[in-house]
């Protein structure tokens, strides 16, 4: 898993490793299943399924099934 922000790299006059990083916590709701190797960089609502290897870059609504790179809603849990 990951977070919403990572390494700062906008200043070309400063080496990337010296620019530090930014971290913003993500929220994964209750009763979620996250497949193996998924990268989570956005909030996940409750009762969601994230497919293996998916890259989640935008918030996922509750009861959604998402998969892919970037992850897209492919279904809804009822």
PDB file of N, CA and C in Angstrom:
ATOM      1  N   UNK A   1       0.836  -1.178   0.000  1.00  0.00           N
ATOM      2  CA  UNK A   1       0.000   0.000   0.000  1.00  0.00           C
ATOM      3  C   UNK A   1       0.874   1.232   0.000  1.00  0.00           C
ATOM      4  N   UNK A   2       0.263   2.300  -0.297  1.00  0.00           N
ATOM      5  CA  UNK A   2       0.984   3.544  -0.431  1.00  0.00           C
ATOM      6  C   UNK A   2       0.140   4.643   0.169  1.00  0.00           C
ATOM      7  N   UNK A   3       0.436   5.871  -0.180  1.00  0.00           N
ATOM      8  CA  UNK A   3      -0.346   6.994   0.321  1.00  0.00           C
ATOM      9  C   UNK A   3      -0.708   7.914  -0.819  1.00  0.00           C
ATOM     10  N   UNK A   4      -1.364   9.022  -0.492  1.00  0.00           N
ATOM     11  CA  UNK A   4      -1.804   9.950  -1.532  1.00  0.00           C
ATOM     12  C   UNK A   4      -0.668  10.737  -2.154  1.00  0.00           C
ATOM     13  N   UNK A   5       0.397  10.967  -1.444  1.00  0.00           N
ATOM     14  CA  UNK A   5       1.522  11.745  -1.976  1.00  0.00           C
ATOM     15  C   UNK A   5       2.809  11.020  -1.626  1.00  0.00           C
ATOM     16  N   UNK A   6       3.829  11.290  -2.354  1.00  0.00           N
ATOM     17  CA  UNK A   6       5.084  10.582  -2.129  1.00  0.00           C
ATOM     18  C   UNK A   6       6.259  11.541  -2.092  1.00  0.00           C
ATOM     19  N   UNK A   7       7.121  11.447  -3.059  1.00  0.00           N
ATOM     20  CA  UNK A   7       8.361  12.215  -3.080  1.00  0.00           C
ATOM     21  C   UNK A   7       8.177  13.555  -3.777  1.00  0.00           C
ATOM     22  N   UNK A   8       8.794  14.570  -3.208  1.00  0.00           N
ATOM     23  CA  UNK A   8       8.816  15.875  -3.867  1.00  0.00           C
ATOM     24  C   UNK A   8       9.927  15.849  -4.913  1.00  0.00           C
ATOM     25  N   UNK A   9       9.671  16.439  -6.077  1.00  0.00           N
ATOM     26  CA  UNK A   9      10.675  16.399  -7.143  1.00  0.00           C
ATOM     27  C   UNK A   9      10.616  17.611  -8.058  1.00  0.00           C
ATOM     28  N   UNK A  10       9.934  18.677  -7.640  1.00  0.00           N
ATOM     29  CA  UNK A  10       9.697  19.813  -8.538  1.00  0.00           C
ATOM     30  C   UNK A  10      10.873  20.773  -8.682  1.00  0.00           C
ATOM     31  N   UNK A  11      11.817  20.773  -7.742  1.00  0.00           N
ATOM     32  CA  UNK A  11      12.942  21.715  -7.795  1.00  0.00           C
ATOM     33  C   UNK A  11      14.125  21.066  -8.509  1.00  0.00           C
ATOM     34  N   UNK A  12      14.377  21.480  -9.742  1.00  0.00           N
ATOM     35  CA  UNK A  12      15.455  20.878 -10.530  1.00  0.00           C
ATOM     36  C   UNK A  12      16.842  21.221  -9.996  1.00  0.00           C
ATOM     37  N   UNK A  13      16.941  22.223  -9.134  1.00  0.00           N
ATOM     38  CA  UNK A  13      18.234  22.623  -8.580  1.00  0.00           C
ATOM     39  C   UNK A  13      18.613  21.830  -7.334  1.00  0.00           C
ATOM     40  N   UNK A  14      17.710  20.995  -6.838  1.00  0.00           N
ATOM     41  CA  UNK A  14      17.957  20.206  -5.632  1.00  0.00           C
ATOM     42  C   UNK A  14      17.786  18.730  -5.983  1.00  0.00           C
ATOM     43  N   UNK A  15      18.761  17.875  -5.615  1.00  0.00           N
ATOM     44  CA  UNK A  15      18.606  16.441  -5.889  1.00  0.00           C
ATOM     45  C   UNK A  15      17.303  15.904  -5.278  1.00  0.00           C
ATOM     46  N   UNK A  16      16.649  15.015  -5.984  1.00  0.00           N
ATOM     47  CA  UNK A  16      15.371  14.470  -5.532  1.00  0.00           C
ATOM     48  C   UNK A  16      15.478  13.914  -4.119  1.00  0.00           C
ATOM     49  N   UNK A  17      16.545  13.185  -3.825  1.00  0.00           N
ATOM     50  CA  UNK A  17      16.656  12.576  -2.499  1.00  0.00           C
ATOM     51  C   UNK A  17      16.758  13.611  -1.385  1.00  0.00           C
ATOM     52  N   UNK A  18      17.069  14.860  -1.718  1.00  0.00           N
ATOM     53  CA  UNK A  18      17.157  15.916  -0.712  1.00  0.00           C
ATOM     54  C   UNK A  18      15.882  16.756  -0.632  1.00  0.00           C
ATOM     55  N   UNK A  19      14.904  16.500  -1.494  1.00  0.00           N
ATOM     56  CA  UNK A  19      13.674  17.287  -1.503  1.00  0.00           C
ATOM     57  C   UNK A  19      12.623  16.776  -0.528  1.00  0.00           C
ATOM     58  N   UNK A  20      12.899  15.655   0.094  1.00  0.00           N
ATOM     59  CA  UNK A  20      11.952  15.137   1.078  1.00  0.00           C
ATOM     60  C   UNK A  20      10.709  14.563   0.436  1.00  0.00           C
ATOM     61  N   UNK A  21       9.715  14.364   1.270  1.00  0.00           N
ATOM     62  CA  UNK A  21       8.475  13.789   0.781  1.00  0.00           C
ATOM     63  C   UNK A  21       7.288  14.342   1.538  1.00  0.00           C
ATOM     64  N   UNK A  22       6.138  14.030   1.015  1.00  0.00           N
ATOM     65  CA  UNK A  22       4.886  14.455   1.619  1.00  0.00           C
ATOM     66  C   UNK A  22       4.031  13.210   1.792  1.00  0.00           C
ATOM     67  N   UNK A  23       3.399  13.076   2.943  1.00  0.00           N
ATOM     68  CA  UNK A  23       2.540  11.919   3.158  1.00  0.00           C
ATOM     69  C   UNK A  23       1.190  12.371   3.674  1.00  0.00           C
ATOM     70  N   UNK A  24       0.147  11.879   3.048  1.00  0.00           N
ATOM     71  CA  UNK A  24      -1.218  12.127   3.498  1.00  0.00           C
ATOM     72  C   UNK A  24      -1.871  10.767   3.700  1.00  0.00           C
ATOM     73  N   UNK A  25      -2.413  10.537   4.882  1.00  0.00           N
ATOM     74  CA  UNK A  25      -3.016   9.241   5.182  1.00  0.00           C
ATOM     75  C   UNK A  25      -4.198   8.955   4.266  1.00  0.00           C
ATOM     76  N   UNK A  26      -4.383   7.677   4.010  1.00  0.00           N
ATOM     77  CA  UNK A  26      -5.558   7.225   3.274  1.00  0.00           C
ATOM     78  C   UNK A  26      -6.474   6.506   4.254  1.00  0.00           C
ATOM     79  N   UNK A  27      -7.725   6.358   3.867  1.00  0.00           N
ATOM     80  CA  UNK A  27      -8.696   5.633   4.687  1.00  0.00           C
ATOM     81  C   UNK A  27      -9.212   4.456   3.874  1.00  0.00           C
ATOM     82  N   UNK A  28      -9.135   3.273   4.469  1.00  0.00           N
ATOM     83  CA  UNK A  28      -9.726   2.082   3.866  1.00  0.00           C
ATOM     84  C   UNK A  28     -10.888   1.699   4.760  1.00  0.00           C
ATOM     85  N   UNK A  29     -12.093   1.711   4.200  1.00  0.00           N
ATOM     86  CA  UNK A  29     -13.305   1.449   4.972  1.00  0.00           C
ATOM     87  C   UNK A  29     -13.367   0.032   5.521  1.00  0.00           C
ATOM     88  N   UNK A  30     -14.413  -0.214   6.282  1.00  0.00           N
ATOM     89  CA  UNK A  30     -14.616  -1.524   6.892  1.00  0.00           C
ATOM     90  C   UNK A  30     -15.053  -2.549   5.849  1.00  0.00           C
ATOM     91  N   UNK A  31     -14.707  -3.802   6.125  1.00  0.00           N
ATOM     92  CA  UNK A  31     -15.152  -4.933   5.315  1.00  0.00           C
ATOM     93  C   UNK A  31     -14.687  -4.841   3.861  1.00  0.00           C
ATOM     94  N   UNK A  32     -13.436  -4.421   3.666  1.00  0.00           N
ATOM     95  CA  UNK A  32     -12.857  -4.343   2.319  1.00  0.00           C
ATOM     96  C   UNK A  32     -11.907  -5.504   2.082  1.00  0.00           C
ATOM     97  N   UNK A  33     -11.744  -5.864   0.827  1.00  0.00           N
ATOM     98  CA  UNK A  33     -10.767  -6.864   0.433  1.00  0.00           C
ATOM     99  C   UNK A  33      -9.860  -6.219  -0.600  1.00  0.00           C
ATOM    100  N   UNK A  34      -8.557  -6.252  -0.319  1.00  0.00           N
ATOM    101  CA  UNK A  34      -7.566  -5.673  -1.231  1.00  0.00           C
ATOM    102  C   UNK A  34      -6.713  -6.811  -1.770  1.00  0.00           C
ATOM    103  N   UNK A  35      -6.749  -6.998  -3.075  1.00  0.00           N
ATOM    104  CA  UNK A  35      -6.009  -8.079  -3.705  1.00  0.00           C
ATOM    105  C   UNK A  35      -4.500  -7.899  -3.615  1.00  0.00           C
ATOM    106  N   UNK A  36      -3.789  -8.987  -3.756  1.00  0.00           N
ATOM    107  CA  UNK A  36      -2.334  -9.017  -3.666  1.00  0.00           C
ATOM    108  C   UNK A  36      -1.688  -8.049  -4.655  1.00  0.00           C
ATOM    109  N   UNK A  37      -0.734  -7.264  -4.177  1.00  0.00           N
ATOM    110  CA  UNK A  37       0.040  -6.380  -5.035  1.00  0.00           C
ATOM    111  C   UNK A  37      -0.649  -5.084  -5.420  1.00  0.00           C
ATOM    112  N   UNK A  38      -1.840  -4.829  -4.890  1.00  0.00           N
ATOM    113  CA  UNK A  38      -2.540  -3.577  -5.213  1.00  0.00           C
ATOM    114  C   UNK A  38      -1.813  -2.395  -4.580  1.00  0.00           C
ATOM    115  N   UNK A  39      -1.804  -1.276  -5.280  1.00  0.00           N
ATOM    116  CA  UNK A  39      -1.239  -0.033  -4.751  1.00  0.00           C
ATOM    117  C   UNK A  39      -2.399   0.908  -4.473  1.00  0.00           C
ATOM    118  N   UNK A  40      -2.503   1.346  -3.233  1.00  0.00           N
ATOM    119  CA  UNK A  40      -3.622   2.190  -2.814  1.00  0.00           C
ATOM    120  C   UNK A  40      -3.103   3.593  -2.562  1.00  0.00           C
ATOM    121  N   UNK A  41      -3.539   4.552  -3.366  1.00  0.00           N
ATOM    122  CA  UNK A  41      -3.108   5.943  -3.231  1.00  0.00           C
ATOM    123  C   UNK A  41      -4.302   6.881  -3.109  1.00  0.00           C
ATOM    124  N   UNK A  42      -5.438   6.343  -2.673  1.00  0.00           N
ATOM    125  CA  UNK A  42      -6.653   7.132  -2.487  1.00  0.00           C
ATOM    126  C   UNK A  42      -7.527   6.410  -1.466  1.00  0.00           C
ATOM    127  N   UNK A  43      -8.576   7.067  -1.022  1.00  0.00           N
ATOM    128  CA  UNK A  43      -9.479   6.485  -0.030  1.00  0.00           C
ATOM    129  C   UNK A  43     -10.350   5.403  -0.658  1.00  0.00           C
ATOM    130  N   UNK A  44     -10.641   4.374   0.143  1.00  0.00           N
ATOM    131  CA  UNK A  44     -11.488   3.269  -0.284  1.00  0.00           C
ATOM    132  C   UNK A  44     -12.697   3.239   0.648  1.00  0.00           C
ATOM    133  N   UNK A  45     -13.900   3.285   0.088  1.00  0.00           N
ATOM    134  CA  UNK A  45     -15.112   3.221   0.903  1.00  0.00           C
ATOM    135  C   UNK A  45     -15.305   1.834   1.501  1.00  0.00           C
ATOM    136  N   UNK A  46     -16.249   1.714   2.425  1.00  0.00           N
ATOM    137  CA  UNK A  46     -16.552   0.433   3.066  1.00  0.00           C
ATOM    138  C   UNK A  46     -17.126  -0.559   2.062  1.00  0.00           C
ATOM    139  N   UNK A  47     -16.934  -1.848   2.357  1.00  0.00           N
ATOM    140  CA  UNK A  47     -17.509  -2.957   1.584  1.00  0.00           C
ATOM    141  C   UNK A  47     -17.026  -3.012   0.137  1.00  0.00           C
ATOM    142  N   UNK A  48     -15.778  -2.628  -0.105  1.00  0.00           N
ATOM    143  CA  UNK A  48     -15.217  -2.623  -1.464  1.00  0.00           C
ATOM    144  C   UNK A  48     -14.308  -3.816  -1.713  1.00  0.00           C
ATOM    145  N   UNK A  49     -14.107  -4.106  -2.977  1.00  0.00           N
ATOM    146  CA  UNK A  49     -13.140  -5.104  -3.416  1.00  0.00           C
ATOM    147  C   UNK A  49     -12.201  -4.416  -4.397  1.00  0.00           C
ATOM    148  N   UNK A  50     -10.889  -4.582  -4.164  1.00  0.00           N
ATOM    149  CA  UNK A  50      -9.864  -4.039  -5.056  1.00  0.00           C
ATOM    150  C   UNK A  50      -9.134  -5.230  -5.663  1.00  0.00           C
ATOM    151  N   UNK A  51      -9.166  -5.337  -6.973  1.00  0.00           N
ATOM    152  CA  UNK A  51      -8.538  -6.460  -7.656  1.00  0.00           C
ATOM    153  C   UNK A  51      -7.026  -6.492  -7.486  1.00  0.00           C
ATOM    154  N   UNK A  52      -6.457  -7.685  -7.538  1.00  0.00           N
ATOM    155  CA  UNK A  52      -5.013  -7.868  -7.415  1.00  0.00           C
ATOM    156  C   UNK A  52      -4.281  -7.049  -8.469  1.00  0.00           C
ATOM    157  N   UNK A  53      -3.202  -6.395  -8.055  1.00  0.00           N
ATOM    158  CA  UNK A  53      -2.375  -5.624  -8.970  1.00  0.00           C
ATOM    159  C   UNK A  53      -2.954  -4.281  -9.383  1.00  0.00           C
ATOM    160  N   UNK A  54      -4.097  -3.914  -8.848  1.00  0.00           N
ATOM    161  CA  UNK A  54      -4.730  -2.641  -9.216  1.00  0.00           C
ATOM    162  C   UNK A  54      -3.947  -1.463  -8.657  1.00  0.00           C
ATOM    163  N   UNK A  55      -4.048  -0.323  -9.337  1.00  0.00           N
ATOM    164  CA  UNK A  55      -3.426   0.923  -8.875  1.00  0.00           C
ATOM    165  C   UNK A  55      -4.558   1.928  -8.683  1.00  0.00           C
ATOM    166  N   UNK A  56      -4.899   2.173  -7.420  1.00  0.00           N
ATOM    167  CA  UNK A  56      -6.016   3.054  -7.083  1.00  0.00           C
ATOM    168  C   UNK A  56      -5.484   4.471  -6.908  1.00  0.00           C
ATOM    169  N   UNK A  57      -5.868   5.384  -7.820  1.00  0.00           N
ATOM    170  CA  UNK A  57      -5.369   6.759  -7.764  1.00  0.00           C
ATOM    171  C   UNK A  57      -6.466   7.776  -7.477  1.00  0.00           C
ATOM    172  N   UNK A  58      -7.717   7.320  -7.420  1.00  0.00           N
ATOM    173  CA  UNK A  58      -8.810   8.228  -7.062  1.00  0.00           C
ATOM    174  C   UNK A  58      -9.730   7.512  -6.075  1.00  0.00           C
ATOM    175  N   UNK A  59     -10.454   8.302  -5.273  1.00  0.00           N
ATOM    176  CA  UNK A  59     -11.307   7.736  -4.233  1.00  0.00           C
ATOM    177  C   UNK A  59     -12.310   6.746  -4.816  1.00  0.00           C
ATOM    178  N   UNK A  60     -12.566   5.680  -4.046  1.00  0.00           N
ATOM    179  CA  UNK A  60     -13.472   4.612  -4.465  1.00  0.00           C
ATOM    180  C   UNK A  60     -14.741   4.682  -3.616  1.00  0.00           C
ATOM    181  N   UNK A  61     -15.925   4.792  -4.248  1.00  0.00           N
ATOM    182  CA  UNK A  61     -17.181   4.846  -3.489  1.00  0.00           C
ATOM    183  C   UNK A  61     -17.475   3.533  -2.761  1.00  0.00           C
ATOM    184  N   UNK A  62     -18.264   3.605  -1.703  1.00  0.00           N
ATOM    185  CA  UNK A  62     -18.658   2.412  -0.951  1.00  0.00           C
ATOM    186  C   UNK A  62     -19.279   1.362  -1.866  1.00  0.00           C
ATOM    187  N   UNK A  63     -19.059   0.098  -1.522  1.00  0.00           N
ATOM    188  CA  UNK A  63     -19.617  -1.074  -2.201  1.00  0.00           C
ATOM    189  C   UNK A  63     -19.166  -1.235  -3.648  1.00  0.00           C
ATOM    190  N   UNK A  64     -18.047  -0.611  -4.010  1.00  0.00           N
ATOM    191  CA  UNK A  64     -17.546  -0.721  -5.386  1.00  0.00           C
ATOM    192  C   UNK A  64     -16.587  -1.891  -5.537  1.00  0.00           C
ATOM    193  N   UNK A  65     -16.532  -2.411  -6.738  1.00  0.00           N
ATOM    194  CA  UNK A  65     -15.526  -3.395  -7.131  1.00  0.00           C
ATOM    195  C   UNK A  65     -14.668  -2.688  -8.169  1.00  0.00           C
ATOM    196  N   UNK A  66     -13.366  -2.573  -7.889  1.00  0.00           N
ATOM    197  CA  UNK A  66     -12.467  -1.868  -8.801  1.00  0.00           C
ATOM    198  C   UNK A  66     -11.313  -2.764  -9.208  1.00  0.00           C
ATOM    199  N   UNK A  67     -10.784  -2.512 -10.405  1.00  0.00           N
ATOM    200  CA  UNK A  67      -9.634  -3.268 -10.896  1.00  0.00           C
ATOM    201  C   UNK A  67      -8.960  -2.469 -11.997  1.00  0.00           C
ATOM    202  N   UNK A  68      -7.692  -2.775 -12.227  1.00  0.00           N
ATOM    203  CA  UNK A  68      -6.960  -2.189 -13.339  1.00  0.00           C
ATOM    204  C   UNK A  68      -5.938  -1.153 -12.928  1.00  0.00           C
ATOM    205  N   UNK A  69      -5.242  -0.627 -13.952  1.00  0.00           N
ATOM    206  CA  UNK A  69      -4.223   0.402 -13.765  1.00  0.00           C
ATOM    207  C   UNK A  69      -4.440   1.476 -14.828  1.00  0.00           C
ATOM    208  N   UNK A  70      -5.054   2.588 -14.444  1.00  0.00           N
ATOM    209  CA  UNK A  70      -5.555   2.906 -13.104  1.00  0.00           C
ATOM    210  C   UNK A  70      -6.847   2.140 -12.813  1.00  0.00           C
ATOM    211  N   UNK A  71      -7.115   1.942 -11.534  1.00  0.00           N
ATOM    212  CA  UNK A  71      -8.312   1.196 -11.129  1.00  0.00           C
ATOM    213  C   UNK A  71      -9.577   1.938 -11.540  1.00  0.00           C
ATOM    214  N   UNK A  72     -10.527   1.169 -12.061  1.00  0.00           N
ATOM    215  CA  UNK A  72     -11.830   1.714 -12.453  1.00  0.00           C
ATOM    216  C   UNK A  72     -12.916   0.838 -11.848  1.00  0.00           C
ATOM    217  N   UNK A  73     -14.067   1.430 -11.605  1.00  0.00           N
ATOM    218  CA  UNK A  73     -15.192   0.666 -11.070  1.00  0.00           C
ATOM    219  C   UNK A  73     -15.685  -0.295 -12.155  1.00  0.00           C
ATOM    220  N   UNK A  74     -15.689  -1.585 -11.813  1.00  0.00           N
ATOM    221  CA  UNK A  74     -16.156  -2.601 -12.763  1.00  0.00           C
ATOM    222  C   UNK A  74     -17.439  -3.269 -12.277  1.00  0.00           C
ATOM    223  N   UNK A  75     -17.868  -2.916 -11.066  1.00  0.00           N
ATOM    224  CA  UNK A  75     -19.091  -3.498 -10.529  1.00  0.00           C
ATOM    225  C   UNK A  75     -19.432  -2.884  -9.186  1.00  0.00           C
ATOM    226  N   UNK A  76     -20.592  -3.282  -8.678  1.00  0.00           N
ATOM    227  CA  UNK A  76     -21.065  -2.808  -7.380  1.00  0.00           C
ATOM    228  C   UNK A  76     -21.540  -4.003  -6.573  1.00  0.00           C
ATOM    229  N   UNK A  77     -21.167  -4.020  -5.299  1.00  0.00           N
ATOM    230  CA  UNK A  77     -21.649  -5.073  -4.405  1.00  0.00           C
ATOM    231  C   UNK A  77     -23.042  -4.703  -3.925  1.00  0.00           C
ATOM    232  N   UNK A  78     -23.955  -5.668  -3.943  1.00  0.00           N
ATOM    233  CA  UNK A  78     -25.342  -5.392  -3.531  1.00  0.00           C
ATOM    234  C   UNK A  78     -25.676  -6.104  -2.259  1.00  0.00           C
TER     235      UNK A  78
END
